[in-house]
C-alpha atoms as a PDB file:
ATOM      1  CA  MET A   1      69.293 -42.958  75.798  1.00  0.00           C
ATOM      2  CA  THR A   2      66.765 -41.631  78.281  1.00  0.00           C
ATOM      3  CA  LEU A   3      64.547 -38.584  78.526  1.00  0.00           C
ATOM      4  CA  GLU A   4      67.120 -37.031  80.855  1.00  0.00           C
ATOM      5  CA  ASP A   5      69.791 -37.434  78.162  1.00  0.00           C
ATOM      6  CA  ILE A   6      67.756 -35.284  75.793  1.00  0.00           C
ATOM      7  CA  ILE A   7      68.150 -32.231  78.002  1.00  0.00           C
ATOM      8  CA  GLU A   8      71.895 -32.365  77.302  1.00  0.00           C
ATOM      9  CA  PHE A   9      71.445 -31.635  73.589  1.00  0.00           C
ATOM     10  CA  ASP A  10      67.945 -30.160  73.202  1.00  0.00           C
ATOM     11  CA  GLU A  11      66.514 -28.454  76.261  1.00  0.00           C
ATOM     12  CA  GLY A  12      63.594 -27.053  74.240  1.00  0.00           C
ATOM     13  CA  LEU A  13      62.492 -30.523  73.155  1.00  0.00           C
ATOM     14  CA  TYR A  14      62.853 -31.758  76.730  1.00  0.00           C
ATOM     15  CA  GLU A  15      60.600 -28.963  77.997  1.00  0.00           C
ATOM     16  CA  MET A  16      58.056 -29.593  75.236  1.00  0.00           C
ATOM     17  CA  ILE A  17      57.950 -33.316  76.088  1.00  0.00           C
ATOM     18  CA  ASN A  18      57.292 -32.490  79.721  1.00  0.00           C
ATOM     19  CA  TYR A  19      54.610 -29.941  78.840  1.00  0.00           C
ATOM     20  CA  LEU A  20      52.760 -32.110  76.315  1.00  0.00           C
ATOM     21  CA  SER A  21      53.011 -35.212  78.527  1.00  0.00           C
ATOM     22  CA  ASN A  22      51.556 -33.487  81.558  1.00  0.00           C
ATOM     23  CA  PRO A  23      48.380 -35.420  82.499  1.00  0.00           C
ATOM     24  CA  LEU A  24      46.820 -32.165  83.742  1.00  0.00           C
ATOM     25  CA  LEU A  25      47.172 -30.470  80.339  1.00  0.00           C
ATOM     26  CA  THR A  26      43.724 -29.657  78.943  1.00  0.00           C
ATOM     27  CA  LYS A  27      42.706 -29.306  75.332  1.00  0.00           C
ATOM     28  CA  ASP A  28      41.843 -25.644  75.901  1.00  0.00           C
ATOM     29  CA  GLU A  29      45.238 -24.931  77.452  1.00  0.00           C
ATOM     30  CA  TYR A  30      46.996 -26.778  74.623  1.00  0.00           C
ATOM     31  CA  GLU A  31      45.125 -24.866  71.949  1.00  0.00           C
ATOM     32  CA  ALA A  32      45.787 -21.541  73.682  1.00  0.00           C
ATOM     33  CA  ASN A  33      49.529 -22.145  74.083  1.00  0.00           C
ATOM     34  CA  MET A  34      50.675 -24.417  71.281  1.00  0.00           C
ATOM     35  CA  ASN A  35      50.737 -23.964  67.534  1.00  0.00           C
ATOM     36  CA  LEU A  36      52.625 -27.057  66.435  1.00  0.00           C
ATOM     37  CA  THR A  37      52.957 -28.516  62.981  1.00  0.00           C
ATOM     38  CA  TYR A  38      54.440 -31.885  62.030  1.00  0.00           C
ATOM     39  CA  SER A  39      57.907 -30.437  61.578  1.00  0.00           C
ATOM     40  CA  ILE A  40      60.966 -29.866  63.738  1.00  0.00           C
ATOM     41  CA  GLU A  41      64.126 -27.831  63.525  1.00  0.00           C
ATOM     42  CA  PHE A  42      67.349 -29.802  63.501  1.00  0.00           C
ATOM     43  CA  THR A  43      70.596 -28.712  65.110  1.00  0.00           C
ATOM     44  CA  ASP A  44      71.814 -27.128  61.882  1.00  0.00           C
ATOM     45  CA  GLY A  45      68.674 -24.966  61.682  1.00  0.00           C
ATOM     46  CA  GLU A  46      67.115 -26.992  58.875  1.00  0.00           C
ATOM     47  CA  ILE A  47      63.385 -27.681  59.156  1.00  0.00           C
ATOM     48  CA  TYR A  48      62.474 -31.349  58.794  1.00  0.00           C
ATOM     49  CA  GLU A  49      58.938 -32.472  58.038  1.00  0.00           C
ATOM     50  CA  LEU A  50      57.879 -35.433  60.149  1.00  0.00           C
ATOM     51  CA  ILE A  51      55.145 -36.388  57.677  1.00  0.00           C
ATOM     52  CA  PRO A  52      54.571 -35.327  54.053  1.00  0.00           C
ATOM     53  CA  ASN A  53      53.673 -31.608  54.011  1.00  0.00           C
ATOM     54  CA  GLY A  54      54.163 -31.668  57.780  1.00  0.00           C
ATOM     55  CA  SER A  55      54.895 -27.956  58.071  1.00  0.00           C
ATOM     56  CA  GLU A  56      51.345 -27.321  56.863  1.00  0.00           C
ATOM     57  CA  GLU A  57      49.649 -29.957  59.064  1.00  0.00           C
ATOM     58  CA  LYS A  58      48.589 -28.769  62.526  1.00  0.00           C
ATOM     59  CA  VAL A  59      49.157 -31.129  65.469  1.00  0.00           C
ATOM     60  CA  GLU A  60      45.835 -31.634  67.229  1.00  0.00           C
ATOM     61  CA  PHE A  61      45.649 -32.125  70.993  1.00  0.00           C
ATOM     62  CA  GLU A  62      44.646 -35.762  70.572  1.00  0.00           C
ATOM     63  CA  ASP A  63      47.706 -36.419  68.375  1.00  0.00           C
ATOM     64  CA  ARG A  64      50.330 -34.778  70.589  1.00  0.00           C
ATOM     65  CA  PHE A  65      51.841 -38.115  71.675  1.00  0.00           C
ATOM     66  CA  LYS A  66      52.196 -39.240  68.061  1.00  0.00           C
ATOM     67  CA  TYR A  67      53.925 -35.933  67.350  1.00  0.00           C
ATOM     68  CA  LEU A  68      56.304 -36.407  70.293  1.00  0.00           C
ATOM     69  CA  GLU A  69      57.136 -39.930  69.152  1.00  0.00           C
ATOM     70  CA  LEU A  70      57.970 -38.690  65.653  1.00  0.00           C
ATOM     71  CA  CYS A  71      60.050 -35.801  67.050  1.00  0.00           C
ATOM     72  CA  LEU A  72      62.072 -38.063  69.300  1.00  0.00           C
ATOM     73  CA  LYS A  73      62.692 -40.612  66.579  1.00  0.00           C
ATOM     74  CA  GLU A  74      63.987 -38.020  64.140  1.00  0.00           C
ATOM     75  CA  ARG A  75      65.875 -35.924  66.666  1.00  0.00           C
ATOM     76  CA  LEU A  76      67.713 -38.917  68.111  1.00  0.00           C
ATOM     77  CA  CYS A  77      68.666 -40.150  64.636  1.00  0.00           C
ATOM     78  CA  GLU A  78      69.459 -36.839  62.960  1.00  0.00           C
ATOM     79  CA  ALA A  79      73.227 -37.380  63.037  1.00  0.00           C
ATOM     80  CA  ASP A  80      73.157 -41.020  61.880  1.00  0.00           C
ATOM     81  CA  SER A  81      74.367 -40.276  58.342  1.00  0.00           C
ATOM     82  CA  GLN A  82      77.222 -38.083  59.619  1.00  0.00           C
ATOM     83  CA  ILE A  83      78.230 -40.731  62.159  1.00  0.00           C
ATOM     84  CA  SER A  84      78.163 -43.351  59.418  1.00  0.00           C
ATOM     85  CA  MET A  85      80.513 -41.249  57.289  1.00  0.00           C
ATOM     86  CA  ILE A  86      82.877 -40.749  60.255  1.00  0.00           C
ATOM     87  CA  LYS A  87      82.933 -44.521  60.834  1.00  0.00           C
ATOM     88  CA  LYS A  88      83.621 -45.111  57.150  1.00  0.00           C
ATOM     89  CA  GLY A  89      86.535 -42.670  57.276  1.00  0.00           C
ATOM     90  CA  ILE A  90      87.975 -44.229  60.417  1.00  0.00           C
ATOM     91  CA  ARG A  91      87.767 -47.687  58.816  1.00  0.00           C
ATOM     92  CA  LYS A  92      89.976 -46.416  55.986  1.00  0.00           C
ATOM     93  CA  ILE A  93      92.649 -45.505  58.533  1.00  0.00           C
ATOM     94  CA  ILE A  94      92.279 -48.268  61.151  1.00  0.00           C
ATOM     95  CA  PRO A  95      91.642 -51.871  60.064  1.00  0.00           C
ATOM     96  CA  GLY A  96      88.260 -53.334  61.031  1.00  0.00           C
ATOM     97  CA  PRO A  97      89.597 -56.125  63.308  1.00  0.00           C
ATOM     98  CA  ILE A  98      91.484 -53.570  65.402  1.00  0.00           C
ATOM     99  CA  LEU A  99      88.388 -51.378  65.693  1.00  0.00           C
ATOM    100  CA  LYS A 100      86.296 -54.335  66.818  1.00  0.00           C
ATOM    101  CA  SER A 101      88.779 -55.132  69.568  1.00  0.00           C
ATOM    102  CA  ILE A 102      88.612 -51.622  71.054  1.00  0.00           C
ATOM    103  CA  LYS A 103      86.232 -51.351  74.012  1.00  0.00           C
ATOM    104  CA  ILE A 104      84.727 -47.897  74.450  1.00  0.00           C
ATOM    105  CA  LYS A 105      82.841 -47.059  77.624  1.00  0.00           C
END
């Protein structure tokens, strides 16, 4: 998955990545425009804390790349448990060897 793929499912995150990664972004501009905490909103509207008590911890300018890394990691993996359950259900219907032989592009 690439940065361009993110725009397909989370345009807001894509725009935030571009903004925070801009080498011309200054600390003053960041502080005037951003009020981030170590939390993100998932697709279902649930708030997820990226670190313990993350919704109460302000993201400082110097830590913006750490914040982005945490956001991307969680956002890209948010559906892993649902996908795992789907796979488990499919395996109950279609035998494993048949599934392994199917090539999906």
